[in-house]
Amino acid sequence: MLPARTLVGTLFLVAAVSSAAVPAATAEDECDLPEEMVREIRSYAPVADKIIRFVTEGKFKGRTWNKLAGFVDKFGSRIAGSQNLENAIDFMLNELRKEGLDNVHGEEVTIPHWVRGRESAKLLEPRMQTLPILGLGGSIATPKEGITAELLVVDSFDELHHHKEQAKGKIVVFNENYTTYGESVRYRDYAAVEAAKLGGVATLVRSVTGFSIASPHTGWQDYDSNVTQIPTASITIEDAQMLSRMFKRGEKLKVRLYMEAKTLPPAKSRNTVAEIKGKEKADEVVLVSGHLDSWDVGQGAMDDGGGAFVSWLSLAAIRKLDLRPRRTLRAVLWTAEEEGLVGAASYVEKHKSEEGKLNFVMESDEGTFTPQGLVFSGSKTAGCILKEVLKLTASINATNFQLEKVQF
């Protein structure tokens, strides 16, 4: 079986080598690209095949996987503000230089520095049971003695407001039904704010995932400067469902929550940048990316070591093959993504003058699995171009295309 991370890299490679300027939009219901453009894209088939063979059968086979494994084994978790993240960035800058990539450098970013500390939750009534939790990023601590309070368990924000008279003084538990990450993550983001508005003293939020084996999932959450801040943590799917069942039976539920979380002064970090300069239009850029930071409770191989490594090793493979793209290929490995796209936001602000020169921007940050194609947001015509480009990856069955409307 071919390494998934190696295969994903081919999508970056083919898209980068095949980049072309985008003409005016055409009809919404079909693709009608100029024949000359279609011929140009298809003319890259030998190059695409060469890249695919190199990373799946040749000397590059397994290299992305092995490089990533060595990286996460060496550094482990890389939360924003930690020395471990900065050591990992130093290491990556050295690796990029050893690969002979161009313009390797770090770009300074001011980032949040949140520290988890010790944390625990225990069900006290109607029986004793330890509840695995993970404090949500940016959460405040409980008092030193913790918070001991009854629970109000709800399935949605609507249900919370329906029972608003019961929320005061309670730890509010959200047992939201998981649909998609994009839809369900709003409970993690805003649970503390909505509960605090009604007098809640803390929140426990069902982990935003479709699968769990006593495994809470962490993530960032957002406070409102106009609303009292309360501690907030994630709990497992199983425990959220159990508490919901017990609550609906009319049982009195009481939990003791303890969290030492704290936010330290902002820290300095860096986005990591490397390029292959274009031979004809060097001022135009094709950008691929992932983020180097991770949460503190795992090694960050999937989120987002895999995305970061397929990005920079795509450039490394092109350099090994001695291919010279028309436009500049740039890999950016973001910092502090988990804290709210901090590194990316800083990059956009500092590179506003380049906006008109970005031909193609790509990020891998939804888990690095066997590639099936691309999810794309942009104009209809740009989508049609990518559909044609994806035909070049038919040999690895990565031709699926999904147009996604994104609101900014």
Protein backbone atom coordinates (compact mmCIF):
# COMPACT_ATOMS: atom_id res chain seq x y z
CA MET A 1 0.00 0.00 0.00
CA LEU A 2 1.40 3.41 -0.97
CA PRO A 3 2.04 5.89 1.86
CA ALA A 4 -0.93 8.28 2.03
CA ARG A 5 1.20 11.33 2.74
CA THR A 6 3.38 10.67 -0.30
CA LEU A 7 0.33 10.39 -2.52
CA VAL A 8 -1.23 13.60 -1.27
CA GLY A 9 1.94 15.40 -2.21
CA THR A 10 1.38 14.59 -5.88
CA LEU A 11 -1.72 16.78 -5.90
CA PHE A 12 0.38 19.74 -4.81
CA LEU A 13 3.02 18.93 -7.39
CA VAL A 14 0.71 18.58 -10.37
CA ALA A 15 -1.33 21.64 -9.47
CA ALA A 16 1.82 23.69 -9.01
CA VAL A 17 3.54 22.62 -12.22
CA SER A 18 0.32 23.08 -14.21
CA SER A 19 -0.61 26.54 -12.87
CA ALA A 20 -1.96 28.97 -15.42
CA ALA A 21 -3.53 32.43 -15.46
CA VAL A 22 -7.32 32.48 -14.98
CA PRO A 23 -9.44 33.98 -17.81
CA ALA A 24 -12.82 35.64 -17.41
CA ALA A 25 -15.64 33.50 -15.98
CA THR A 26 -17.83 31.47 -18.31
CA ALA A 27 -21.31 29.96 -17.97
CA GLU A 28 -22.14 28.64 -14.52
CA ASP A 29 -23.51 25.28 -15.67
CA GLU A 30 -20.59 23.92 -17.70
CA CYS A 31 -16.89 24.14 -18.37
CA ASP A 32 -15.90 25.75 -21.64
CA LEU A 33 -12.21 26.45 -21.41
CA PRO A 34 -10.32 27.77 -24.43
CA GLU A 35 -8.90 24.90 -26.46
CA GLU A 36 -5.44 26.40 -26.25
CA MET A 37 -5.58 26.30 -22.44
CA VAL A 38 -6.81 22.72 -22.40
CA ARG A 39 -3.98 21.69 -24.73
CA GLU A 40 -1.46 23.47 -22.52
CA ILE A 41 -2.69 21.72 -19.37
CA ARG A 42 -2.71 18.33 -21.08
CA SER A 43 0.80 18.94 -22.38
CA TYR A 44 2.00 18.62 -18.79
CA ALA A 45 0.93 14.96 -18.63
CA PRO A 46 4.50 13.61 -19.08
CA VAL A 47 5.74 15.89 -16.29
CA ALA A 48 2.85 14.90 -14.02
CA ASP A 49 3.49 11.22 -14.68
CA LYS A 50 7.19 11.69 -13.95
CA ILE A 51 6.39 13.32 -10.60
CA ILE A 52 3.83 10.67 -9.66
CA ARG A 53 6.21 7.82 -10.48
CA PHE A 54 9.02 9.51 -8.55
CA VAL A 55 7.02 9.90 -5.33
CA THR A 56 5.14 6.59 -5.50
CA GLU A 57 7.69 4.24 -7.06
CA GLY A 58 11.05 5.99 -7.27
CA LYS A 59 13.65 7.25 -4.83
CA PHE A 60 11.14 9.56 -3.14
CA LYS A 61 8.77 6.72 -2.24
CA GLY A 62 8.04 6.76 1.48
CA ARG A 63 10.26 9.79 2.09
CA THR A 64 7.46 12.09 3.21
CA TRP A 65 6.14 9.51 5.65
CA ASN A 66 9.57 8.80 7.10
CA LYS A 67 10.49 12.47 7.38
CA LEU A 68 7.23 13.22 9.19
CA ALA A 69 7.66 10.26 11.54
CA GLY A 70 11.15 11.43 12.46
CA PHE A 71 9.91 14.97 13.03
CA VAL A 72 7.00 14.14 15.34
CA ASP A 73 9.08 11.55 17.20
CA LYS A 74 11.78 14.15 17.79
CA PHE A 75 9.59 17.06 18.88
CA GLY A 76 6.21 15.68 19.89
CA SER A 77 3.59 18.34 20.65
CA ARG A 78 4.21 21.90 19.44
CA ILE A 79 1.70 24.24 21.04
CA ALA A 80 1.94 27.96 20.28
CA GLY A 81 4.20 29.78 22.72
CA SER A 82 6.24 26.71 23.60
CA GLN A 83 9.98 26.34 23.18
CA ASN A 84 9.26 23.01 21.54
CA LEU A 85 7.49 24.75 18.65
CA GLU A 86 10.39 27.16 18.17
CA ASN A 87 12.89 24.30 18.24
CA ALA A 88 10.81 22.52 15.61
CA ILE A 89 10.79 25.64 13.43
CA ASP A 90 14.59 25.95 13.74
CA PHE A 91 14.90 22.31 12.70
CA MET A 92 12.58 22.81 9.74
CA LEU A 93 14.47 25.85 8.49
CA ASN A 94 17.65 23.78 8.51
CA GLU A 95 15.93 20.91 6.66
CA LEU A 96 14.66 23.27 3.97
CA ARG A 97 18.13 24.68 3.44
CA LYS A 98 19.62 21.18 3.21
CA GLU A 99 17.11 20.41 0.43
CA GLY A 100 18.56 23.30 -1.56
CA LEU A 101 15.34 25.30 -1.65
CA ASP A 102 15.40 29.03 -2.34
CA ASN A 103 14.71 31.98 -0.05
CA VAL A 104 14.40 29.87 3.10
CA HIS A 105 13.52 32.09 6.05
CA GLY A 106 11.24 32.66 9.01
CA GLU A 107 8.79 35.56 9.27
CA GLU A 108 8.13 36.77 12.80
CA VAL A 109 4.60 36.53 14.22
CA THR A 110 3.25 37.61 17.60
CA ILE A 111 1.14 34.75 18.94
CA PRO A 112 -1.04 33.84 21.93
CA HIS A 113 0.55 31.81 24.73
CA TRP A 114 -1.97 29.67 26.58
CA VAL A 115 -0.91 26.98 29.06
CA ARG A 116 -3.20 24.11 30.05
CA GLY A 117 -1.99 23.13 33.51
CA ARG A 118 -3.61 20.37 35.55
CA GLU A 119 -7.30 19.71 35.01
CA SER A 120 -9.93 17.22 36.10
CA ALA A 121 -13.66 16.66 36.33
CA LYS A 122 -15.56 14.24 38.55
CA LEU A 123 -19.22 13.34 38.64
CA LEU A 124 -20.28 13.48 42.31
CA GLU A 125 -24.02 12.81 42.05
CA PRO A 126 -25.90 10.56 41.51
CA ARG A 127 -22.71 8.45 41.61
CA MET A 128 -18.96 8.92 41.52
CA GLN A 129 -17.19 8.78 38.16
CA THR A 130 -14.12 10.47 36.73
CA LEU A 131 -14.88 12.37 33.52
CA PRO A 132 -11.94 12.70 31.09
CA ILE A 133 -11.68 16.34 29.97
CA LEU A 134 -9.45 18.62 27.93
CA GLY A 135 -9.62 22.33 28.62
CA LEU A 136 -10.40 24.36 25.51
CA GLY A 137 -7.77 26.74 24.22
CA GLY A 138 -7.87 30.17 25.78
CA SER A 139 -10.02 29.04 28.70
CA ILE A 140 -9.60 30.66 32.09
CA ALA A 141 -8.94 28.61 35.21
CA THR A 142 -11.41 27.63 37.86
CA PRO A 143 -10.89 28.99 41.38
CA LYS A 144 -8.20 27.10 43.33
CA GLU A 145 -10.87 25.01 45.04
CA GLY A 146 -12.49 24.21 41.71
CA ILE A 147 -16.15 24.62 40.81
CA THR A 148 -18.72 22.25 42.27
CA ALA A 149 -22.16 22.74 40.77
CA GLU A 150 -25.23 21.03 39.40
CA LEU A 151 -25.50 20.39 35.69
CA LEU A 152 -27.86 21.68 33.05
CA VAL A 153 -27.59 19.41 30.00
CA VAL A 154 -28.79 20.67 26.62
CA ASP A 155 -28.53 19.50 23.03
CA SER A 156 -28.39 22.91 21.34
CA PHE A 157 -28.22 26.65 21.85
CA ASP A 158 -31.96 26.79 21.24
CA GLU A 159 -32.57 24.34 24.06
CA LEU A 160 -30.26 26.33 26.34
CA HIS A 161 -32.29 29.47 25.78
CA HIS A 162 -35.53 27.54 26.20
CA HIS A 163 -34.32 26.57 29.70
CA LYS A 164 -32.55 29.86 30.41
CA GLU A 165 -34.12 30.18 33.86
CA GLN A 166 -32.28 26.99 34.91
CA ALA A 167 -28.79 28.05 33.79
CA LYS A 168 -27.80 30.38 36.62
CA GLY A 169 -25.16 28.83 38.86
CA LYS A 170 -24.98 25.65 36.75
CA ILE A 171 -22.25 23.94 34.80
CA VAL A 172 -23.84 23.76 31.35
CA VAL A 173 -23.18 20.58 29.38
CA PHE A 174 -23.64 20.68 25.60
CA ASN A 175 -24.48 17.32 24.04
CA GLU A 176 -24.77 18.66 20.50
CA ASN A 177 -25.35 16.15 17.72
CA TYR A 178 -22.32 15.84 15.46
CA THR A 179 -23.15 16.52 11.82
CA THR A 180 -20.04 17.95 10.20
CA TYR A 181 -17.03 19.59 11.80
CA GLY A 182 -17.90 22.92 10.21
CA GLU A 183 -21.41 22.91 11.66
CA SER A 184 -20.72 21.36 15.06
CA VAL A 185 -17.60 23.34 15.96
CA ARG A 186 -19.72 26.40 16.79
CA TYR A 187 -20.63 24.76 20.09
CA ARG A 188 -16.99 24.52 21.06
CA ASP A 189 -16.42 28.08 19.90
CA TYR A 190 -19.34 29.79 21.63
CA ALA A 191 -20.63 27.51 24.40
CA ALA A 192 -18.92 29.47 27.18
CA VAL A 193 -20.25 32.79 25.92
CA GLU A 194 -23.84 31.62 25.55
CA ALA A 195 -23.87 29.89 28.93
CA ALA A 196 -22.27 32.86 30.69
CA LYS A 197 -24.92 35.20 29.31
CA LEU A 198 -27.48 33.21 31.29
CA GLY A 199 -25.45 32.92 34.48
CA GLY A 200 -23.71 29.59 33.87
CA VAL A 201 -20.50 29.10 35.85
CA ALA A 202 -18.68 26.74 33.43
CA THR A 203 -19.30 24.66 30.32
CA LEU A 204 -18.49 21.10 29.31
CA VAL A 205 -18.80 20.58 25.56
CA ARG A 206 -19.15 17.29 23.74
CA SER A 207 -16.03 16.76 21.64
CA VAL A 208 -16.38 17.84 18.03
CA THR A 209 -15.82 14.46 16.41
CA GLY A 210 -17.82 11.53 15.14
CA PHE A 211 -15.85 8.88 17.02
CA SER A 212 -14.50 8.46 20.53
CA ILE A 213 -13.04 5.84 22.84
CA ALA A 214 -13.01 7.85 26.05
CA SER A 215 -11.05 10.49 24.14
CA PRO A 216 -11.94 14.18 24.55
CA HIS A 217 -10.82 16.50 21.75
CA THR A 218 -9.41 19.93 22.46
CA GLY A 219 -9.55 23.04 20.28
CA TRP A 220 -9.70 26.82 20.48
CA GLN A 221 -12.75 28.68 21.74
CA ASP A 222 -13.74 32.33 21.66
CA TYR A 223 -14.72 34.61 24.51
CA ASP A 224 -16.73 37.80 24.07
CA SER A 225 -15.15 40.85 25.70
CA ASN A 226 -18.62 42.00 26.76
CA VAL A 227 -19.53 38.72 28.49
CA THR A 228 -18.14 37.28 31.74
CA GLN A 229 -15.50 34.62 31.03
CA ILE A 230 -16.15 31.17 32.49
CA PRO A 231 -14.01 27.98 32.36
CA THR A 232 -14.75 25.66 29.47
CA ALA A 233 -13.57 22.15 28.57
CA SER A 234 -14.44 19.30 26.24
CA ILE A 235 -15.74 15.92 27.38
CA THR A 236 -16.04 12.63 25.56
CA ILE A 237 -18.98 11.73 23.34
CA GLU A 238 -19.82 8.85 25.66
CA ASP A 239 -19.94 11.02 28.77
CA ALA A 240 -21.95 13.76 27.08
CA GLN A 241 -24.52 11.18 26.00
CA MET A 242 -24.57 9.54 29.44
CA LEU A 243 -25.11 12.84 31.22
CA SER A 244 -27.85 13.72 28.76
CA ARG A 245 -29.68 10.45 29.38
CA MET A 246 -29.42 10.84 33.14
CA PHE A 247 -30.58 14.46 33.01
CA LYS A 248 -33.61 13.59 30.87
CA ARG A 249 -34.60 10.97 33.45
CA GLY A 250 -34.79 13.76 36.00
CA GLU A 251 -31.72 12.74 37.98
CA LYS A 252 -29.82 15.43 39.88
CA LEU A 253 -26.29 15.72 38.48
CA LYS A 254 -23.39 17.39 40.26
CA VAL A 255 -19.81 17.75 39.02
CA ARG A 256 -16.58 19.11 40.46
CA LEU A 257 -14.47 20.83 37.78
CA TYR A 258 -10.84 21.86 38.32
CA MET A 259 -8.67 23.70 35.77
CA GLU A 260 -5.35 25.53 36.13
CA ALA A 261 -5.36 27.04 32.62
CA LYS A 262 -3.76 30.44 32.14
CA THR A 263 -2.88 32.86 29.39
CA LEU A 264 0.65 34.26 29.48
CA PRO A 265 1.87 37.41 27.68
CA PRO A 266 2.04 37.07 23.86
CA ALA A 267 5.08 35.26 22.49
CA LYS A 268 7.15 35.50 19.31
CA SER A 269 7.11 32.77 16.69
CA ARG A 270 7.66 32.45 12.94
CA ASN A 271 5.99 31.33 9.76
CA THR A 272 8.42 29.13 7.84
CA VAL A 273 8.93 29.89 4.15
CA ALA A 274 10.77 28.17 1.28
CA GLU A 275 10.59 28.58 -2.49
CA ILE A 276 11.61 27.40 -5.90
CA LYS A 277 11.99 30.52 -8.01
CA GLY A 278 10.07 30.58 -11.27
CA LYS A 279 11.98 30.72 -14.54
CA GLU A 280 9.62 33.02 -16.48
CA LYS A 281 7.20 34.74 -14.09
CA ALA A 282 9.11 34.67 -10.82
CA ASP A 283 6.97 37.43 -9.31
CA GLU A 284 3.84 35.27 -9.65
CA VAL A 285 3.35 32.70 -6.90
CA VAL A 286 1.81 29.27 -6.41
CA LEU A 287 1.53 28.73 -2.64
CA VAL A 288 1.06 25.44 -0.79
CA SER A 289 0.83 25.23 2.97
CA GLY A 290 0.14 23.45 6.24
CA HIS A 291 0.81 24.38 9.86
CA LEU A 292 3.69 23.28 12.09
CA ASP A 293 2.08 24.02 15.44
CA SER A 294 -0.13 21.47 17.17
CA TRP A 295 -2.04 21.05 20.38
CA ASP A 296 -0.19 20.07 23.55
CA VAL A 297 -1.92 16.73 24.02
CA GLY A 298 -0.68 14.87 20.94
CA GLN A 299 2.17 14.68 18.46
CA GLY A 300 0.34 16.59 15.74
CA ALA A 301 1.10 14.10 12.97
CA MET A 302 -2.32 14.47 11.33
CA ASP A 303 -3.06 17.98 12.57
CA ASP A 304 -1.13 19.19 10.83
CA GLY A 305 2.27 17.60 10.43
CA GLY A 306 1.08 15.69 7.39
CA GLY A 307 -0.19 18.83 5.67
CA ALA A 308 3.01 20.72 6.40
CA PHE A 309 5.24 17.90 5.17
CA VAL A 310 3.43 17.22 1.90
CA SER A 311 3.73 20.95 1.23
CA TRP A 312 7.47 21.40 1.66
CA LEU A 313 8.40 17.95 0.36
CA SER A 314 6.46 18.68 -2.82
CA LEU A 315 8.96 21.43 -3.48
CA ALA A 316 11.80 19.12 -2.46
CA ALA A 317 10.66 16.51 -4.98
CA ILE A 318 10.47 19.06 -7.78
CA ARG A 319 13.98 20.24 -6.91
CA LYS A 320 15.27 16.62 -6.88
CA LEU A 321 13.77 16.09 -10.33
CA ASP A 322 15.46 19.28 -11.53
CA LEU A 323 12.14 20.68 -12.74
CA ARG A 324 11.91 24.46 -13.05
CA PRO A 325 8.37 25.86 -12.85
CA ARG A 326 7.32 28.94 -14.78
CA ARG A 327 6.04 30.62 -11.62
CA THR A 328 7.56 30.67 -8.16
CA LEU A 329 6.48 27.78 -5.95
CA ARG A 330 6.27 28.77 -2.30
CA ALA A 331 5.66 26.56 0.73
CA VAL A 332 4.53 28.33 3.89
CA LEU A 333 4.34 26.41 7.16
CA TRP A 334 2.09 28.43 9.43
CA THR A 335 2.55 29.00 13.12
CA ALA A 336 -0.26 29.32 15.70
CA GLU A 337 -2.96 28.04 13.37
CA GLU A 338 -4.75 26.30 16.22
CA GLU A 339 -5.18 29.59 18.09
CA GLY A 340 -7.22 31.13 15.29
CA LEU A 341 -5.17 31.23 12.05
CA VAL A 342 -2.78 33.69 13.70
CA GLY A 343 0.20 32.90 11.49
CA ALA A 344 -1.85 33.02 8.30
CA ALA A 345 -3.49 36.32 9.28
CA SER A 346 -0.07 37.85 9.93
CA TYR A 347 1.18 36.58 6.58
CA VAL A 348 -1.78 38.08 4.70
CA GLU A 349 -1.25 41.43 6.41
CA LYS A 350 2.47 41.51 5.62
CA HIS A 351 2.07 40.35 2.01
CA LYS A 352 -0.83 42.50 0.85
CA SER A 353 1.26 43.80 -2.03
CA GLU A 354 1.45 40.25 -3.43
CA GLU A 355 -2.28 39.54 -3.49
CA GLY A 356 -2.58 40.16 -7.20
CA LYS A 357 0.37 37.88 -7.87
CA LEU A 358 -0.99 34.78 -6.11
CA ASN A 359 -2.11 32.41 -8.86
CA PHE A 360 -3.01 29.47 -6.63
CA VAL A 361 -3.18 28.98 -2.85
CA MET A 362 -3.62 25.60 -1.20
CA GLU A 363 -3.65 24.27 2.36
CA SER A 364 -3.84 20.70 3.62
CA ASP A 365 -5.39 20.65 7.11
CA GLU A 366 -8.28 18.20 7.21
CA GLY A 367 -6.25 15.08 7.88
CA THR A 368 -3.75 13.55 5.48
CA PHE A 369 -5.32 10.49 3.90
CA THR A 370 -5.22 8.80 0.51
CA PRO A 371 -6.02 11.64 -1.92
CA GLN A 372 -9.22 11.59 -3.92
CA GLY A 373 -9.10 15.07 -5.42
CA LEU A 374 -9.52 18.68 -4.35
CA VAL A 375 -12.00 20.84 -2.46
CA PHE A 376 -11.87 24.28 -4.07
CA SER A 377 -13.29 27.74 -3.46
CA GLY A 378 -13.05 30.35 -6.18
CA SER A 379 -14.53 31.31 -9.53
CA LYS A 380 -16.32 28.87 -11.78
CA THR A 381 -13.66 29.19 -14.45
CA ALA A 382 -10.82 28.61 -12.00
CA GLY A 383 -12.68 25.49 -10.90
CA CYS A 384 -12.91 24.34 -14.50
CA ILE A 385 -9.15 24.75 -14.86
CA LEU A 386 -8.55 22.62 -11.78
CA LYS A 387 -10.94 19.94 -13.04
CA GLU A 388 -8.80 19.70 -16.14
CA VAL A 389 -5.61 19.66 -14.07
CA LEU A 390 -6.98 16.83 -11.91
CA LYS A 391 -7.24 14.62 -14.99
CA LEU A 392 -3.44 14.47 -14.79
CA THR A 393 -3.76 12.52 -11.52
CA ALA A 394 -6.01 9.78 -12.93
CA SER A 395 -3.28 7.17 -12.40
CA ILE A 396 -3.71 7.53 -8.62
CA ASN A 397 -7.51 7.96 -8.78
CA ALA A 398 -7.36 11.51 -7.44
CA THR A 399 -9.73 13.23 -9.86
CA ASN A 400 -12.69 14.14 -7.64
CA PHE A 401 -13.53 17.84 -7.55
CA GLN A 402 -15.74 19.68 -5.08
CA LEU A 403 -16.62 23.36 -5.36
CA GLU A 404 -17.12 24.91 -1.94
CA LYS A 405 -18.52 28.37 -1.38
CA VAL A 406 -16.64 30.14 1.39
CA GLN A 407 -17.86 33.31 3.05
CA PHE A 408 -15.24 35.66 4.45
